[in-house]
PDB file of N, CA and C in Angstrom:
ATOM      1  N   MET A   1      35.752  91.979 214.088  1.00  0.00           N
ATOM      2  CA  MET A   1      35.564  91.042 213.003  1.00  0.00           C
ATOM      3  C   MET A   1      34.075  90.919 212.699  1.00  0.00           C
ATOM      4  N   HIS A   2      33.751  90.728 211.448  1.00  0.00           N
ATOM      5  CA  HIS A   2      32.360  90.666 211.020  1.00  0.00           C
ATOM      6  C   HIS A   2      31.964  89.213 210.781  1.00  0.00           C
ATOM      7  N   ASP A   3      31.592  88.513 211.864  1.00  0.00           N
ATOM      8  CA  ASP A   3      31.293  87.084 211.759  1.00  0.00           C
ATOM      9  C   ASP A   3      30.112  86.785 210.854  1.00  0.00           C
ATOM     10  N   ALA A   4      29.026  87.509 210.992  1.00  0.00           N
ATOM     11  CA  ALA A   4      27.826  87.216 210.204  1.00  0.00           C
ATOM     12  C   ALA A   4      28.078  87.381 208.708  1.00  0.00           C
ATOM     13  N   PRO A   5      28.675  88.489 208.244  1.00  0.00           N
ATOM     14  CA  PRO A   5      28.940  88.602 206.809  1.00  0.00           C
ATOM     15  C   PRO A   5      29.892  87.527 206.297  1.00  0.00           C
ATOM     16  N   VAL A   6      30.894  87.187 207.097  1.00  0.00           N
ATOM     17  CA  VAL A   6      31.849  86.161 206.665  1.00  0.00           C
ATOM     18  C   VAL A   6      31.140  84.828 206.513  1.00  0.00           C
ATOM     19  N   ALA A   7      30.325  84.462 207.488  1.00  0.00           N
ATOM     20  CA  ALA A   7      29.584  83.206 207.409  1.00  0.00           C
ATOM     21  C   ALA A   7      28.655  83.208 206.206  1.00  0.00           C
ATOM     22  N   ARG A   8      28.014  84.333 205.964  1.00  0.00           N
ATOM     23  CA  ARG A   8      27.089  84.441 204.832  1.00  0.00           C
ATOM     24  C   ARG A   8      27.854  84.302 203.511  1.00  0.00           C
ATOM     25  N   VAL A   9      28.995  84.958 203.418  1.00  0.00           N
ATOM     26  CA  VAL A   9      29.807  84.880 202.198  1.00  0.00           C
ATOM     27  C   VAL A   9      30.309  83.457 202.003  1.00  0.00           C
ATOM     28  N   PHE A  10      30.772  82.827 203.099  1.00  0.00           N
ATOM     29  CA  PHE A  10      31.286  81.466 202.989  1.00  0.00           C
ATOM     30  C   PHE A  10      30.183  80.517 202.530  1.00  0.00           C
ATOM     31  N   LYS A  11      28.993  80.644 203.114  1.00  0.00           N
ATOM     32  CA  LYS A  11      27.879  79.784 202.715  1.00  0.00           C
ATOM     33  C   LYS A  11      27.540  79.999 201.244  1.00  0.00           C
ATOM     34  N   LYS A  12      27.554  81.254 200.820  1.00  0.00           N
ATOM     35  CA  LYS A  12      27.262  81.579 199.422  1.00  0.00           C
ATOM     36  C   LYS A  12      28.320  80.967 198.513  1.00  0.00           C
ATOM     37  N   MET A  13      29.586  81.052 198.944  1.00  0.00           N
ATOM     38  CA  MET A  13      30.663  80.495 198.141  1.00  0.00           C
ATOM     39  C   MET A  13      30.514  78.988 198.002  1.00  0.00           C
ATOM     40  N   MET A  14      30.183  78.324 199.091  1.00  0.00           N
ATOM     41  CA  MET A  14      30.084  76.874 199.067  1.00  0.00           C
ATOM     42  C   MET A  14      28.880  76.406 198.250  1.00  0.00           C
ATOM     43  N   THR A  15      27.765  77.120 198.350  1.00  0.00           N
ATOM     44  CA  THR A  15      26.590  76.704 197.593  1.00  0.00           C
ATOM     45  C   THR A  15      26.744  76.965 196.112  1.00  0.00           C
ATOM     46  N   ARG A  16      27.537  77.957 195.761  1.00  0.00           N
ATOM     47  CA  ARG A  16      27.767  78.255 194.343  1.00  0.00           C
ATOM     48  C   ARG A  16      29.037  77.606 193.804  1.00  0.00           C
ATOM     49  N   LYS A  17      29.713  76.840 194.658  1.00  0.00           N
ATOM     50  CA  LYS A  17      30.971  76.203 194.273  1.00  0.00           C
ATOM     51  C   LYS A  17      31.959  77.238 193.741  1.00  0.00           C
ATOM     52  N   ALA A  18      32.082  78.321 194.487  1.00  0.00           N
ATOM     53  CA  ALA A  18      32.940  79.428 194.052  1.00  0.00           C
ATOM     54  C   ALA A  18      34.414  79.046 194.021  1.00  0.00           C
ATOM     55  N   PHE A  19      34.777  77.949 194.706  1.00  0.00           N
ATOM     56  CA  PHE A  19      36.176  77.543 194.700  1.00  0.00           C
ATOM     57  C   PHE A  19      36.526  76.725 193.465  1.00  0.00           C
ATOM     58  N   SER A  20      35.536  76.418 192.647  1.00  0.00           N
ATOM     59  CA  SER A  20      35.792  75.633 191.442  1.00  0.00           C
ATOM     60  C   SER A  20      36.672  76.416 190.481  1.00  0.00           C
ATOM     61  N   PRO A  21      37.730  75.782 189.933  1.00  0.00           N
ATOM     62  CA  PRO A  21      38.581  76.512 188.985  1.00  0.00           C
ATOM     63  C   PRO A  21      37.842  76.884 187.713  1.00  0.00           C
ATOM     64  N   ASN A  22      36.734  76.215 187.442  1.00  0.00           N
ATOM     65  CA  ASN A  22      35.961  76.521 186.241  1.00  0.00           C
ATOM     66  C   ASN A  22      35.014  77.697 186.444  1.00  0.00           C
ATOM     67  N   LEU A  23      34.872  78.144 187.685  1.00  0.00           N
ATOM     68  CA  LEU A  23      33.930  79.222 187.978  1.00  0.00           C
ATOM     69  C   LEU A  23      34.657  80.328 188.727  1.00  0.00           C
ATOM     70  N   LEU A  24      35.512  81.026 188.031  1.00  0.00           N
ATOM     71  CA  LEU A  24      36.261  82.121 188.639  1.00  0.00           C
ATOM     72  C   LEU A  24      35.685  83.426 188.111  1.00  0.00           C
ATOM     73  N   THR A  25      34.767  83.980 188.879  1.00  0.00           N
ATOM     74  CA  THR A  25      34.149  85.243 188.508  1.00  0.00           C
ATOM     75  C   THR A  25      34.659  86.323 189.441  1.00  0.00           C
ATOM     76  N   ALA A  26      34.403  87.562 189.090  1.00  0.00           N
ATOM     77  CA  ALA A  26      34.805  88.669 189.954  1.00  0.00           C
ATOM     78  C   ALA A  26      34.127  88.545 191.312  1.00  0.00           C
ATOM     79  N   GLU A  27      32.862  88.096 191.326  1.00  0.00           N
ATOM     80  CA  GLU A  27      32.127  87.958 192.580  1.00  0.00           C
ATOM     81  C   GLU A  27      32.751  86.857 193.454  1.00  0.00           C
ATOM     82  N   SER A  28      33.077  85.707 192.853  1.00  0.00           N
ATOM     83  CA  SER A  28      33.637  84.622 193.650  1.00  0.00           C
ATOM     84  C   SER A  28      35.037  84.972 194.135  1.00  0.00           C
ATOM     85  N   LEU A  29      35.820  85.629 193.304  1.00  0.00           N
ATOM     86  CA  LEU A  29      37.159  86.039 193.713  1.00  0.00           C
ATOM     87  C   LEU A  29      37.080  87.059 194.847  1.00  0.00           C
ATOM     88  N   SER A  30      36.161  87.979 194.736  1.00  0.00           N
ATOM     89  CA  SER A  30      35.966  88.984 195.788  1.00  0.00           C
ATOM     90  C   SER A  30      35.546  88.313 197.092  1.00  0.00           C
ATOM     91  N   ALA A  31      34.645  87.332 196.999  1.00  0.00           N
ATOM     92  CA  ALA A  31      34.185  86.625 198.195  1.00  0.00           C
ATOM     93  C   ALA A  31      35.331  85.839 198.821  1.00  0.00           C
ATOM     94  N   GLN A  32      36.155  85.209 198.004  1.00  0.00           N
ATOM     95  CA  GLN A  32      37.291  84.448 198.527  1.00  0.00           C
ATOM     96  C   GLN A  32      38.278  85.382 199.223  1.00  0.00           C
ATOM     97  N   LEU A  33      38.550  86.517 198.629  1.00  0.00           N
ATOM     98  CA  LEU A  33      39.478  87.471 199.231  1.00  0.00           C
ATOM     99  C   LEU A  33      38.923  88.020 200.549  1.00  0.00           C
ATOM    100  N   LEU A  34      37.629  88.281 200.599  1.00  0.00           N
ATOM    101  CA  LEU A  34      36.994  88.760 201.825  1.00  0.00           C
ATOM    102  C   LEU A  34      37.112  87.714 202.924  1.00  0.00           C
ATOM    103  N   LEU A  35      36.845  86.464 202.573  1.00  0.00           N
ATOM    104  CA  LEU A  35      36.936  85.386 203.553  1.00  0.00           C
ATOM    105  C   LEU A  35      38.370  85.206 204.026  1.00  0.00           C
ATOM    106  N   MET A  36      39.314  85.188 203.100  1.00  0.00           N
ATOM    107  CA  MET A  36      40.713  85.026 203.473  1.00  0.00           C
ATOM    108  C   MET A  36      41.173  86.171 204.372  1.00  0.00           C
ATOM    109  N   ASN A  37      40.778  87.389 204.056  1.00  0.00           N
ATOM    110  CA  ASN A  37      41.145  88.544 204.872  1.00  0.00           C
ATOM    111  C   ASN A  37      40.570  88.417 206.277  1.00  0.00           C
ATOM    112  N   SER A  38      39.317  88.002 206.380  1.00  0.00           N
ATOM    113  CA  SER A  38      38.689  87.842 207.691  1.00  0.00           C
ATOM    114  C   SER A  38      39.386  86.754 208.499  1.00  0.00           C
ATOM    115  N   LEU A  39      39.739  85.646 207.844  1.00  0.00           N
ATOM    116  CA  LEU A  39      40.410  84.562 208.547  1.00  0.00           C
ATOM    117  C   LEU A  39      41.803  84.980 209.006  1.00  0.00           C
ATOM    118  N   LEU A  40      42.500  85.766 208.188  1.00  0.00           N
ATOM    119  CA  LEU A  40      43.831  86.219 208.562  1.00  0.00           C
ATOM    120  C   LEU A  40      43.787  87.168 209.749  1.00  0.00           C
ATOM    121  N   GLN A  41      42.703  87.937 209.871  1.00  0.00           N
ATOM    122  CA  GLN A  41      42.585  88.895 210.971  1.00  0.00           C
ATOM    123  C   GLN A  41      42.057  88.240 212.240  1.00  0.00           C
ATOM    124  N   ALA A  42      41.500  87.047 212.116  1.00  0.00           N
ATOM    125  CA  ALA A  42      40.934  86.356 213.278  1.00  0.00           C
ATOM    126  C   ALA A  42      42.071  85.902 214.191  1.00  0.00           C
ATOM    127  N   ASP A  43      41.796  85.879 215.473  1.00  0.00           N
ATOM    128  CA  ASP A  43      42.781  85.419 216.442  1.00  0.00           C
ATOM    129  C   ASP A  43      42.612  83.910 216.594  1.00  0.00           C
ATOM    130  N   VAL A  44      43.173  83.181 215.645  1.00  0.00           N
ATOM    131  CA  VAL A  44      43.028  81.734 215.609  1.00  0.00           C
ATOM    132  C   VAL A  44      44.398  81.103 215.782  1.00  0.00           C
ATOM    133  N   LYS A  45      44.493  80.151 216.690  1.00  0.00           N
ATOM    134  CA  LYS A  45      45.755  79.428 216.895  1.00  0.00           C
ATOM    135  C   LYS A  45      45.691  78.157 216.063  1.00  0.00           C
ATOM    136  N   LEU A  46      46.535  78.103 215.044  1.00  0.00           N
ATOM    137  CA  LEU A  46      46.606  76.921 214.205  1.00  0.00           C
ATOM    138  C   LEU A  46      47.612  75.949 214.800  1.00  0.00           C
ATOM    139  N   PRO A  47      47.415  74.650 214.589  1.00  0.00           N
ATOM    140  CA  PRO A  47      48.384  73.687 215.121  1.00  0.00           C
ATOM    141  C   PRO A  47      49.718  73.819 214.389  1.00  0.00           C
ATOM    142  N   ASP A  48      50.775  73.468 215.090  1.00  0.00           N
ATOM    143  CA  ASP A  48      52.087  73.468 214.452  1.00  0.00           C
ATOM    144  C   ASP A  48      52.083  72.438 213.325  1.00  0.00           C
ATOM    145  N   PRO A  49      52.814  72.705 212.259  1.00  0.00           N
ATOM    146  CA  PRO A  49      52.855  71.733 211.160  1.00  0.00           C
ATOM    147  C   PRO A  49      53.570  70.457 211.599  1.00  0.00           C
ATOM    148  N   LEU A  50      53.154  69.350 211.036  1.00  0.00           N
ATOM    149  CA  LEU A  50      53.811  68.074 211.290  1.00  0.00           C
ATOM    150  C   LEU A  50      55.010  67.980 210.360  1.00  0.00           C
ATOM    151  N   VAL A  51      56.195  67.882 210.922  1.00  0.00           N
ATOM    152  CA  VAL A  51      57.418  67.815 210.129  1.00  0.00           C
ATOM    153  C   VAL A  51      57.745  66.349 209.881  1.00  0.00           C
ATOM    154  N   ILE A  52      57.802  65.979 208.601  1.00  0.00           N
ATOM    155  CA  ILE A  52      58.131  64.614 208.196  1.00  0.00           C
ATOM    156  C   ILE A  52      59.431  64.662 207.407  1.00  0.00           C
ATOM    157  N   ALA A  53      60.417  63.900 207.849  1.00  0.00           N
ATOM    158  CA  ALA A  53      61.710  63.858 207.164  1.00  0.00           C
ATOM    159  C   ALA A  53      61.689  62.706 206.165  1.00  0.00           C
ATOM    160  N   HIS A  54      61.826  63.046 204.899  1.00  0.00           N
ATOM    161  CA  HIS A  54      61.830  62.028 203.840  1.00  0.00           C
ATOM    162  C   HIS A  54      63.220  61.435 203.719  1.00  0.00           C
ATOM    163  N   ARG A  55      63.371  60.185 204.115  1.00  0.00           N
ATOM    164  CA  ARG A  55      64.662  59.485 204.148  1.00  0.00           C
ATOM    165  C   ARG A  55      65.655  60.182 205.079  1.00  0.00           C
ATOM    166  N   GLY A  56      65.136  60.741 206.157  1.00  0.00           N
ATOM    167  CA  GLY A  56      65.969  61.475 207.102  1.00  0.00           C
ATOM    168  C   GLY A  56      66.148  62.905 206.632  1.00  0.00           C
ATOM    169  N   ALA A  57      67.196  63.535 207.107  1.00  0.00           N
ATOM    170  CA  ALA A  57      67.493  64.911 206.687  1.00  0.00           C
ATOM    171  C   ALA A  57      68.334  64.831 205.419  1.00  0.00           C
ATOM    172  N   SER A  58      67.713  64.432 204.332  1.00  0.00           N
ATOM    173  CA  SER A  58      68.447  64.110 203.097  1.00  0.00           C
ATOM    174  C   SER A  58      69.093  65.320 202.433  1.00  0.00           C
ATOM    175  N   ALA A  59      68.730  66.517 202.831  1.00  0.00           N
ATOM    176  CA  ALA A  59      69.381  67.711 202.276  1.00  0.00           C
ATOM    177  C   ALA A  59      70.705  67.997 202.981  1.00  0.00           C
ATOM    178  N   ILE A  60      70.902  67.360 204.148  1.00  0.00           N
ATOM    179  CA  ILE A  60      72.086  67.636 204.958  1.00  0.00           C
ATOM    180  C   ILE A  60      73.046  66.448 205.000  1.00  0.00           C
ATOM    181  N   ALA A  61      72.504  65.252 205.074  1.00  0.00           N
ATOM    182  CA  ALA A  61      73.323  64.041 205.179  1.00  0.00           C
ATOM    183  C   ALA A  61      72.840  63.041 204.129  1.00  0.00           C
ATOM    184  N   PRO A  62      73.678  62.051 203.798  1.00  0.00           N
ATOM    185  CA  PRO A  62      73.234  61.055 202.812  1.00  0.00           C
ATOM    186  C   PRO A  62      71.936  60.386 203.262  1.00  0.00           C
ATOM    187  N   GLU A  63      70.982  60.314 202.356  1.00  0.00           N
ATOM    188  CA  GLU A  63      69.667  59.776 202.724  1.00  0.00           C
ATOM    189  C   GLU A  63      69.743  58.316 203.127  1.00  0.00           C
ATOM    190  N   ASN A  64      68.788  57.928 203.978  1.00  0.00           N
ATOM    191  CA  ASN A  64      68.686  56.555 204.488  1.00  0.00           C
ATOM    192  C   ASN A  64      69.933  56.114 205.251  1.00  0.00           C
ATOM    193  N   THR A  65      70.588  57.050 205.942  1.00  0.00           N
ATOM    194  CA  THR A  65      71.740  56.709 206.781  1.00  0.00           C
ATOM    195  C   THR A  65      71.433  57.079 208.222  1.00  0.00           C
ATOM    196  N   ALA A  66      72.195  56.487 209.136  1.00  0.00           N
ATOM    197  CA  ALA A  66      72.005  56.798 210.556  1.00  0.00           C
ATOM    198  C   ALA A  66      72.228  58.288 210.810  1.00  0.00           C
ATOM    199  N   SER A  67      73.234  58.870 210.155  1.00  0.00           N
ATOM    200  CA  SER A  67      73.497  60.301 210.375  1.00  0.00           C
ATOM    201  C   SER A  67      72.335  61.160 209.872  1.00  0.00           C
ATOM    202  N   SER A  68      71.703  60.765 208.787  1.00  0.00           N
ATOM    203  CA  SER A  68      70.556  61.501 208.253  1.00  0.00           C
ATOM    204  C   SER A  68      69.358  61.418 209.203  1.00  0.00           C
ATOM    205  N   ILE A  69      69.154  60.241 209.774  1.00  0.00           N
ATOM    206  CA  ILE A  69      68.038  60.056 210.722  1.00  0.00           C
ATOM    207  C   ILE A  69      68.301  60.837 212.000  1.00  0.00           C
ATOM    208  N   ARG A  70      69.538  60.766 212.514  1.00  0.00           N
ATOM    209  CA  ARG A  70      69.875  61.545 213.728  1.00  0.00           C
ATOM    210  C   ARG A  70      69.705  63.046 213.489  1.00  0.00           C
ATOM    211  N   GLU A  71      70.115  63.510 212.329  1.00  0.00           N
ATOM    212  CA  GLU A  71      69.991  64.934 212.015  1.00  0.00           C
ATOM    213  C   GLU A  71      68.523  65.349 211.914  1.00  0.00           C
ATOM    214  N   ALA A  72      67.696  64.506 211.330  1.00  0.00           N
ATOM    215  CA  ALA A  72      66.268  64.811 211.233  1.00  0.00           C
ATOM    216  C   ALA A  72      65.644  64.931 212.620  1.00  0.00           C
ATOM    217  N   ILE A  73      66.028  64.032 213.515  1.00  0.00           N
ATOM    218  CA  ILE A  73      65.520  64.096 214.895  1.00  0.00           C
ATOM    219  C   ILE A  73      66.016  65.378 215.571  1.00  0.00           C
ATOM    220  N   ARG A  74      67.296  65.698 215.379  1.00  0.00           N
ATOM    221  CA  ARG A  74      67.853  66.921 215.976  1.00  0.00           C
ATOM    222  C   ARG A  74      67.130  68.169 215.471  1.00  0.00           C
ATOM    223  N   LEU A  75      66.710  68.151 214.208  1.00  0.00           N
ATOM    224  CA  LEU A  75      66.021  69.299 213.619  1.00  0.00           C
ATOM    225  C   LEU A  75      64.534  69.362 213.991  1.00  0.00           C
ATOM    226  N   GLY A  76      64.034  68.338 214.682  1.00  0.00           N
ATOM    227  CA  GLY A  76      62.657  68.385 215.171  1.00  0.00           C
ATOM    228  C   GLY A  76      61.639  67.609 214.369  1.00  0.00           C
ATOM    229  N   ALA A  77      62.083  66.747 213.471  1.00  0.00           N
ATOM    230  CA  ALA A  77      61.125  65.933 212.707  1.00  0.00           C
ATOM    231  C   ALA A  77      60.359  65.025 213.661  1.00  0.00           C
ATOM    232  N   LYS A  78      59.068  64.933 213.475  1.00  0.00           N
ATOM    233  CA  LYS A  78      58.235  64.054 214.297  1.00  0.00           C
ATOM    234  C   LYS A  78      58.057  62.682 213.647  1.00  0.00           C
ATOM    235  N   VAL A  79      58.245  62.626 212.333  1.00  0.00           N
ATOM    236  CA  VAL A  79      58.111  61.387 211.571  1.00  0.00           C
ATOM    237  C   VAL A  79      59.299  61.307 210.622  1.00  0.00           C
ATOM    238  N   ILE A  80      59.859  60.117 210.499  1.00  0.00           N
ATOM    239  CA  ILE A  80      60.928  59.894 209.530  1.00  0.00           C
ATOM    240  C   ILE A  80      60.483  58.770 208.606  1.00  0.00           C
ATOM    241  N   GLU A  81      60.412  59.075 207.332  1.00  0.00           N
ATOM    242  CA  GLU A  81      59.989  58.094 206.336  1.00  0.00           C
ATOM    243  C   GLU A  81      61.218  57.559 205.647  1.00  0.00           C
ATOM    244  N   PHE A  82      61.350  56.244 205.605  1.00  0.00           N
ATOM    245  CA  PHE A  82      62.464  55.627 204.879  1.00  0.00           C
ATOM    246  C   PHE A  82      62.003  54.304 204.302  1.00  0.00           C
ATOM    247  N   ASP A  83      62.777  53.790 203.386  1.00  0.00           N
ATOM    248  CA  ASP A  83      62.429  52.568 202.667  1.00  0.00           C
ATOM    249  C   ASP A  83      63.241  51.407 203.219  1.00  0.00           C
ATOM    250  N   VAL A  84      62.555  50.369 203.663  1.00  0.00           N
ATOM    251  CA  VAL A  84      63.207  49.174 204.179  1.00  0.00           C
ATOM    252  C   VAL A  84      63.029  48.059 203.158  1.00  0.00           C
ATOM    253  N   ARG A  85      64.128  47.410 202.844  1.00  0.00           N
ATOM    254  CA  ARG A  85      64.116  46.278 201.908  1.00  0.00           C
ATOM    255  C   ARG A  85      64.732  45.069 202.609  1.00  0.00           C
ATOM    256  N   VAL A  86      64.376  43.887 202.142  1.00  0.00           N
ATOM    257  CA  VAL A  86      64.930  42.645 202.660  1.00  0.00           C
ATOM    258  C   VAL A  86      65.847  42.062 201.586  1.00  0.00           C
ATOM    259  N   THR A  87      67.085  41.766 201.980  1.00  0.00           N
ATOM    260  CA  THR A  87      68.016  41.162 201.032  1.00  0.00           C
ATOM    261  C   THR A  87      67.699  39.670 200.878  1.00  0.00           C
ATOM    262  N   ARG A  88      68.317  39.040 199.910  1.00  0.00           N
ATOM    263  CA  ARG A  88      68.070  37.607 199.679  1.00  0.00           C
ATOM    264  C   ARG A  88      68.403  36.758 200.897  1.00  0.00           C
ATOM    265  N   ASP A  89      69.397  37.193 201.669  1.00  0.00           N
ATOM    266  CA  ASP A  89      69.778  36.406 202.838  1.00  0.00           C
ATOM    267  C   ASP A  89      68.982  36.816 204.100  1.00  0.00           C
ATOM    268  N   GLY A  90      67.948  37.648 203.926  1.00  0.00           N
ATOM    269  CA  GLY A  90      67.053  37.974 205.028  1.00  0.00           C
ATOM    270  C   GLY A  90      67.444  39.174 205.856  1.00  0.00           C
ATOM    271  N   GLU A  91      68.463  39.909 205.452  1.00  0.00           N
ATOM    272  CA  GLU A  91      68.875  41.106 206.202  1.00  0.00           C
ATOM    273  C   GLU A  91      68.000  42.289 205.797  1.00  0.00           C
ATOM    274  N   LEU A  92      67.729  43.167 206.771  1.00  0.00           N
ATOM    275  CA  LEU A  92      66.985  44.386 206.490  1.00  0.00           C
ATOM    276  C   LEU A  92      67.972  45.506 206.175  1.00  0.00           C
ATOM    277  N   VAL A  93      67.693  46.271 205.115  1.00  0.00           N
ATOM    278  CA  VAL A  93      68.522  47.404 204.747  1.00  0.00           C
ATOM    279  C   VAL A  93      67.637  48.594 204.421  1.00  0.00           C
ATOM    280  N   LEU A  94      68.156  49.792 204.660  1.00  0.00           N
ATOM    281  CA  LEU A  94      67.472  50.995 204.209  1.00  0.00           C
ATOM    282  C   LEU A  94      67.956  51.282 202.808  1.00  0.00           C
ATOM    283  N   PHE A  95      67.047  51.310 201.858  1.00  0.00           N
ATOM    284  CA  PHE A  95      67.448  51.472 200.466  1.00  0.00           C
ATOM    285  C   PHE A  95      66.284  52.011 199.673  1.00  0.00           C
ATOM    286  N   HIS A  96      66.555  52.962 198.830  1.00  0.00           N
ATOM    287  CA  HIS A  96      65.517  53.509 197.938  1.00  0.00           C
ATOM    288  C   HIS A  96      65.896  53.179 196.508  1.00  0.00           C
ATOM    289  N   ASP A  97      64.986  52.475 195.820  1.00  0.00           N
ATOM    290  CA  ASP A  97      65.295  52.140 194.419  1.00  0.00           C
ATOM    291  C   ASP A  97      64.519  52.987 193.453  1.00  0.00           C
TER     292      ASP A  97
END
């Protein structure tokens, strides 16, 4: 891997704002492709993605239900996002409006 050229290209890209959508030149595109290629070839361990289940496993079970939440956990979700509402009589319910 060519660390020095990659660092030099990256610094050049950042100082020239080569990632700006308004400044897409052949030079900036070439530099971005060179950097991306170098990063892809590097032996870098990226962290596992954080899996967030929106209203449980809503593609498999009815959203905001116990079965949807259990399924999301079974599938490996680390976070489950759901909507909690309070009824007039003070009860908590899962509900998306």
